[in-house]
Amino acid sequence: MLPNMNKLNLPILKADIPFSRSLSMEDYIKFVTFNLRYTIDKKAVREQKKLAMVNEHFSFFT
């Protein structure tokens, strides 16, 4: 179900959009590894994987 478009509270930009800085591949790799190291909860990911696993035997042929 989509929200009513009249009730959306979107930000209104009153200034120019700042230019984005492009990263080199080395800087991008540093950024990604930093985020993976400090933002992912490895224990929670492992628990989620265990919940998503199929524990029942099945066969494609009947």
PDB file of N, CA and C in Angstrom:
ATOM      1  N   MET A   1       0.851  -1.171   0.000  1.00  0.00           N
ATOM      2  CA  MET A   1       0.000   0.000   0.000  1.00  0.00           C
ATOM      3  C   MET A   1       0.900   1.238   0.000  1.00  0.00           C
ATOM      4  N   LEU A   2       0.653   2.139  -0.911  1.00  0.00           N
ATOM      5  CA  LEU A   2       1.447   3.352  -1.023  1.00  0.00           C
ATOM      6  C   LEU A   2       0.884   4.452  -0.134  1.00  0.00           C
ATOM      7  N   PRO A   3       1.755   5.275   0.430  1.00  0.00           N
ATOM      8  CA  PRO A   3       1.254   6.385   1.259  1.00  0.00           C
ATOM      9  C   PRO A   3       0.583   7.435   0.383  1.00  0.00           C
ATOM     10  N   ASN A   4      -0.265   8.204   0.999  1.00  0.00           N
ATOM     11  CA  ASN A   4      -0.931   9.289   0.292  1.00  0.00           C
ATOM     12  C   ASN A   4       0.128  10.324  -0.086  1.00  0.00           C
ATOM     13  N   MET A   5       0.168  10.699  -1.365  1.00  0.00           N
ATOM     14  CA  MET A   5       1.210  11.608  -1.852  1.00  0.00           C
ATOM     15  C   MET A   5       1.097  12.999  -1.227  1.00  0.00           C
ATOM     16  N   ASN A   6      -0.065  13.399  -0.774  1.00  0.00           N
ATOM     17  CA  ASN A   6      -0.230  14.712  -0.161  1.00  0.00           C
ATOM     18  C   ASN A   6       0.351  14.773   1.246  1.00  0.00           C
ATOM     19  N   LYS A   7       0.545  13.630   1.875  1.00  0.00           N
ATOM     20  CA  LYS A   7       1.033  13.604   3.254  1.00  0.00           C
ATOM     21  C   LYS A   7       2.543  13.387   3.361  1.00  0.00           C
ATOM     22  N   LEU A   8       3.246  13.267   2.230  1.00  0.00           N
ATOM     23  CA  LEU A   8       4.685  13.067   2.274  1.00  0.00           C
ATOM     24  C   LEU A   8       5.379  14.330   2.769  1.00  0.00           C
ATOM     25  N   ASN A   9       6.358  14.150   3.623  1.00  0.00           N
ATOM     26  CA  ASN A   9       7.112  15.268   4.180  1.00  0.00           C
ATOM     27  C   ASN A   9       8.522  15.223   3.600  1.00  0.00           C
ATOM     28  N   LEU A  10       8.670  15.699   2.360  1.00  0.00           N
ATOM     29  CA  LEU A  10       9.957  15.672   1.691  1.00  0.00           C
ATOM     30  C   LEU A  10      10.720  16.966   1.940  1.00  0.00           C
ATOM     31  N   PRO A  11      12.056  16.885   1.994  1.00  0.00           N
ATOM     32  CA  PRO A  11      12.840  18.108   2.214  1.00  0.00           C
ATOM     33  C   PRO A  11      12.790  19.011   0.989  1.00  0.00           C
ATOM     34  N   ILE A  12      12.810  20.311   1.232  1.00  0.00           N
ATOM     35  CA  ILE A  12      12.835  21.291   0.149  1.00  0.00           C
ATOM     36  C   ILE A  12      14.216  21.930   0.158  1.00  0.00           C
ATOM     37  N   LEU A  13      14.930  21.756  -0.952  1.00  0.00           N
ATOM     38  CA  LEU A  13      16.276  22.300  -1.053  1.00  0.00           C
ATOM     39  C   LEU A  13      16.198  23.767  -1.452  1.00  0.00           C
ATOM     40  N   LYS A  14      16.815  24.627  -0.654  1.00  0.00           N
ATOM     41  CA  LYS A  14      16.793  26.059  -0.932  1.00  0.00           C
ATOM     42  C   LYS A  14      18.140  26.557  -1.430  1.00  0.00           C
ATOM     43  N   ALA A  15      19.122  25.706  -1.478  1.00  0.00           N
ATOM     44  CA  ALA A  15      20.447  26.084  -1.961  1.00  0.00           C
ATOM     45  C   ALA A  15      20.829  25.149  -3.100  1.00  0.00           C
ATOM     46  N   ASP A  16      21.920  25.461  -3.757  1.00  0.00           N
ATOM     47  CA  ASP A  16      22.409  24.602  -4.823  1.00  0.00           C
ATOM     48  C   ASP A  16      22.882  23.274  -4.234  1.00  0.00           C
ATOM     49  N   ILE A  17      22.727  22.229  -5.008  1.00  0.00           N
ATOM     50  CA  ILE A  17      23.193  20.911  -4.579  1.00  0.00           C
ATOM     51  C   ILE A  17      24.712  20.904  -4.631  1.00  0.00           C
ATOM     52  N   PRO A  18      25.385  20.489  -3.550  1.00  0.00           N
ATOM     53  CA  PRO A  18      26.850  20.486  -3.560  1.00  0.00           C
ATOM     54  C   PRO A  18      27.381  19.453  -4.553  1.00  0.00           C
ATOM     55  N   PHE A  19      28.524  19.752  -5.136  1.00  0.00           N
ATOM     56  CA  PHE A  19      29.143  18.820  -6.068  1.00  0.00           C
ATOM     57  C   PHE A  19      29.660  17.617  -5.308  1.00  0.00           C
ATOM     58  N   SER A  20      29.457  16.450  -5.868  1.00  0.00           N
ATOM     59  CA  SER A  20      29.959  15.243  -5.213  1.00  0.00           C
ATOM     60  C   SER A  20      31.390  14.988  -5.661  1.00  0.00           C
ATOM     61  N   ARG A  21      32.159  14.485  -4.748  1.00  0.00           N
ATOM     62  CA  ARG A  21      33.556  14.189  -5.034  1.00  0.00           C
ATOM     63  C   ARG A  21      33.645  12.763  -5.550  1.00  0.00           C
ATOM     64  N   SER A  22      34.327  12.531  -6.620  1.00  0.00           N
ATOM     65  CA  SER A  22      34.489  11.172  -7.119  1.00  0.00           C
ATOM     66  C   SER A  22      35.703  10.542  -6.441  1.00  0.00           C
ATOM     67  N   LEU A  23      35.582   9.253  -6.163  1.00  0.00           N
ATOM     68  CA  LEU A  23      36.649   8.531  -5.481  1.00  0.00           C
ATOM     69  C   LEU A  23      37.454   7.709  -6.472  1.00  0.00           C
ATOM     70  N   SER A  24      38.743   7.584  -6.212  1.00  0.00           N
ATOM     71  CA  SER A  24      39.550   6.660  -7.000  1.00  0.00           C
ATOM     72  C   SER A  24      39.206   5.241  -6.533  1.00  0.00           C
ATOM     73  N   MET A  25      39.602   4.259  -7.299  1.00  0.00           N
ATOM     74  CA  MET A  25      39.300   2.875  -6.927  1.00  0.00           C
ATOM     75  C   MET A  25      39.961   2.508  -5.601  1.00  0.00           C
ATOM     76  N   GLU A  26      41.149   3.010  -5.346  1.00  0.00           N
ATOM     77  CA  GLU A  26      41.830   2.729  -4.077  1.00  0.00           C
ATOM     78  C   GLU A  26      41.054   3.324  -2.905  1.00  0.00           C
ATOM     79  N   ASP A  27      40.584   4.567  -3.072  1.00  0.00           N
ATOM     80  CA  ASP A  27      39.798   5.203  -2.015  1.00  0.00           C
ATOM     81  C   ASP A  27      38.473   4.483  -1.811  1.00  0.00           C
ATOM     82  N   TYR A  28      37.884   4.022  -2.907  1.00  0.00           N
ATOM     83  CA  TYR A  28      36.613   3.300  -2.820  1.00  0.00           C
ATOM     84  C   TYR A  28      36.793   1.987  -2.073  1.00  0.00           C
ATOM     85  N   ILE A  29      37.859   1.268  -2.361  1.00  0.00           N
ATOM     86  CA  ILE A  29      38.125   0.005  -1.665  1.00  0.00           C
ATOM     87  C   ILE A  29      38.349   0.258  -0.176  1.00  0.00           C
ATOM     88  N   LYS A  30      39.075   1.319   0.156  1.00  0.00           N
ATOM     89  CA  LYS A  30      39.274   1.667   1.567  1.00  0.00           C
ATOM     90  C   LYS A  30      37.939   1.979   2.243  1.00  0.00           C
ATOM     91  N   PHE A  31      37.087   2.721   1.542  1.00  0.00           N
ATOM     92  CA  PHE A  31      35.775   3.072   2.070  1.00  0.00           C
ATOM     93  C   PHE A  31      34.932   1.824   2.320  1.00  0.00           C
ATOM     94  N   VAL A  32      34.896   0.919   1.340  1.00  0.00           N
ATOM     95  CA  VAL A  32      34.086  -0.294   1.474  1.00  0.00           C
ATOM     96  C   VAL A  32      34.615  -1.190   2.581  1.00  0.00           C
ATOM     97  N   THR A  33      35.910  -1.394   2.650  1.00  0.00           N
ATOM     98  CA  THR A  33      36.459  -2.260   3.704  1.00  0.00           C
ATOM     99  C   THR A  33      36.252  -1.649   5.084  1.00  0.00           C
ATOM    100  N   PHE A  34      36.364  -0.334   5.196  1.00  0.00           N
ATOM    101  CA  PHE A  34      36.100   0.319   6.476  1.00  0.00           C
ATOM    102  C   PHE A  34      34.654   0.080   6.918  1.00  0.00           C
ATOM    103  N   ASN A  35      33.707   0.270   5.975  1.00  0.00           N
ATOM    104  CA  ASN A  35      32.290   0.063   6.304  1.00  0.00           C
ATOM    105  C   ASN A  35      32.001  -1.386   6.648  1.00  0.00           C
ATOM    106  N   LEU A  36      32.592  -2.314   5.919  1.00  0.00           N
ATOM    107  CA  LEU A  36      32.367  -3.724   6.226  1.00  0.00           C
ATOM    108  C   LEU A  36      32.930  -4.098   7.592  1.00  0.00           C
ATOM    109  N   ARG A  37      34.045  -3.486   7.931  1.00  0.00           N
ATOM    110  CA  ARG A  37      34.689  -3.811   9.206  1.00  0.00           C
ATOM    111  C   ARG A  37      33.891  -3.270  10.402  1.00  0.00           C
ATOM    112  N   TYR A  38      33.333  -2.078  10.271  1.00  0.00           N
ATOM    113  CA  TYR A  38      32.745  -1.429  11.435  1.00  0.00           C
ATOM    114  C   TYR A  38      31.225  -1.314  11.428  1.00  0.00           C
ATOM    115  N   THR A  39      30.563  -1.679  10.347  1.00  0.00           N
ATOM    116  CA  THR A  39      29.116  -1.511  10.334  1.00  0.00           C
ATOM    117  C   THR A  39      28.340  -2.815  10.293  1.00  0.00           C
ATOM    118  N   ILE A  40      28.990  -3.928   9.967  1.00  0.00           N
ATOM    119  CA  ILE A  40      28.281  -5.200   9.872  1.00  0.00           C
ATOM    120  C   ILE A  40      28.444  -5.964  11.182  1.00  0.00           C
ATOM    121  N   ASP A  41      27.330  -6.414  11.714  1.00  0.00           N
ATOM    122  CA  ASP A  41      27.333  -7.244  12.910  1.00  0.00           C
ATOM    123  C   ASP A  41      27.424  -8.698  12.448  1.00  0.00           C
ATOM    124  N   LYS A  42      28.626  -9.273  12.527  1.00  0.00           N
ATOM    125  CA  LYS A  42      28.853 -10.617  11.988  1.00  0.00           C
ATOM    126  C   LYS A  42      27.988 -11.661  12.682  1.00  0.00           C
ATOM    127  N   LYS A  43      27.774 -11.511  13.967  1.00  0.00           N
ATOM    128  CA  LYS A  43      26.959 -12.472  14.694  1.00  0.00           C
ATOM    129  C   LYS A  43      25.510 -12.444  14.190  1.00  0.00           C
ATOM    130  N   ALA A  44      24.982 -11.262  13.969  1.00  0.00           N
ATOM    131  CA  ALA A  44      23.611 -11.139  13.463  1.00  0.00           C
ATOM    132  C   ALA A  44      23.493 -11.702  12.048  1.00  0.00           C
ATOM    133  N   VAL A  45      24.516 -11.491  11.226  1.00  0.00           N
ATOM    134  CA  VAL A  45      24.490 -12.026   9.861  1.00  0.00           C
ATOM    135  C   VAL A  45      24.499 -13.547   9.892  1.00  0.00           C
ATOM    136  N   ARG A  46      25.315 -14.132  10.748  1.00  0.00           N
ATOM    137  CA  ARG A  46      25.366 -15.597  10.848  1.00  0.00           C
ATOM    138  C   ARG A  46      24.036 -16.161  11.332  1.00  0.00           C
ATOM    139  N   GLU A  47      23.424 -15.503  12.297  1.00  0.00           N
ATOM    140  CA  GLU A  47      22.117 -15.955  12.781  1.00  0.00           C
ATOM    141  C   GLU A  47      21.063 -15.869  11.685  1.00  0.00           C
ATOM    142  N   GLN A  48      21.100 -14.800  10.889  1.00  0.00           N
ATOM    143  CA  GLN A  48      20.141 -14.641   9.797  1.00  0.00           C
ATOM    144  C   GLN A  48      20.337 -15.724   8.741  1.00  0.00           C
ATOM    145  N   LYS A  49      21.590 -16.081   8.462  1.00  0.00           N
ATOM    146  CA  LYS A  49      21.870 -17.154   7.508  1.00  0.00           C
ATOM    147  C   LYS A  49      21.323 -18.485   8.009  1.00  0.00           C
ATOM    148  N   LYS A  50      21.486 -18.733   9.311  1.00  0.00           N
ATOM    149  CA  LYS A  50      20.964 -19.977   9.877  1.00  0.00           C
ATOM    150  C   LYS A  50      19.451 -20.039   9.763  1.00  0.00           C
ATOM    151  N   LEU A  51      18.779 -18.911   9.956  1.00  0.00           N
ATOM    152  CA  LEU A  51      17.323 -18.881   9.847  1.00  0.00           C
ATOM    153  C   LEU A  51      16.860 -19.072   8.405  1.00  0.00           C
ATOM    154  N   ALA A  52      17.674 -18.645   7.450  1.00  0.00           N
ATOM    155  CA  ALA A  52      17.287 -18.734   6.043  1.00  0.00           C
ATOM    156  C   ALA A  52      17.590 -20.097   5.425  1.00  0.00           C
ATOM    157  N   MET A  53      18.372 -20.915   6.111  1.00  0.00           N
ATOM    158  CA  MET A  53      18.751 -22.215   5.554  1.00  0.00           C
ATOM    159  C   MET A  53      17.560 -23.175   5.549  1.00  0.00           C
ATOM    160  N   VAL A  54      17.553 -24.059   4.546  1.00  0.00           N
ATOM    161  CA  VAL A  54      16.526 -25.090   4.444  1.00  0.00           C
ATOM    162  C   VAL A  54      17.012 -26.306   5.214  1.00  0.00           C
ATOM    163  N   ASN A  55      16.206 -26.776   6.147  1.00  0.00           N
ATOM    164  CA  ASN A  55      16.601 -27.907   6.985  1.00  0.00           C
ATOM    165  C   ASN A  55      15.848 -29.179   6.645  1.00  0.00           C
ATOM    166  N   GLU A  56      15.052 -29.161   5.589  1.00  0.00           N
ATOM    167  CA  GLU A  56      14.268 -30.320   5.197  1.00  0.00           C
ATOM    168  C   GLU A  56      14.827 -30.929   3.918  1.00  0.00           C
ATOM    169  N   HIS A  57      14.777 -32.240   3.844  1.00  0.00           N
ATOM    170  CA  HIS A  57      15.190 -32.918   2.622  1.00  0.00           C
ATOM    171  C   HIS A  57      14.119 -32.708   1.574  1.00  0.00           C
ATOM    172  N   PHE A  58      14.543 -32.519   0.338  1.00  0.00           N
ATOM    173  CA  PHE A  58      13.575 -32.350  -0.740  1.00  0.00           C
ATOM    174  C   PHE A  58      14.150 -32.957  -2.008  1.00  0.00           C
ATOM    175  N   SER A  59      13.274 -33.203  -2.955  1.00  0.00           N
ATOM    176  CA  SER A  59      13.684 -33.783  -4.212  1.00  0.00           C
ATOM    177  C   SER A  59      12.927 -33.110  -5.346  1.00  0.00           C
ATOM    178  N   PHE A  60      13.623 -32.911  -6.454  1.00  0.00           N
ATOM    179  CA  PHE A  60      12.955 -32.333  -7.607  1.00  0.00           C
ATOM    180  C   PHE A  60      12.132 -33.373  -8.351  1.00  0.00           C
ATOM    181  N   PHE A  61      12.428 -34.634  -8.126  1.00  0.00           N
ATOM    182  CA  PHE A  61      11.732 -35.707  -8.812  1.00  0.00           C
ATOM    183  C   PHE A  61      10.719 -36.346  -7.870  1.00  0.00           C
ATOM    184  N   THR A  62       9.544 -36.611  -8.351  1.00  0.00           N
ATOM    185  CA  THR A  62       8.534 -37.239  -7.503  1.00  0.00           C
ATOM    186  C   THR A  62       8.249 -38.645  -7.944  1.00  0.00           C
TER     187      THR A  62
END
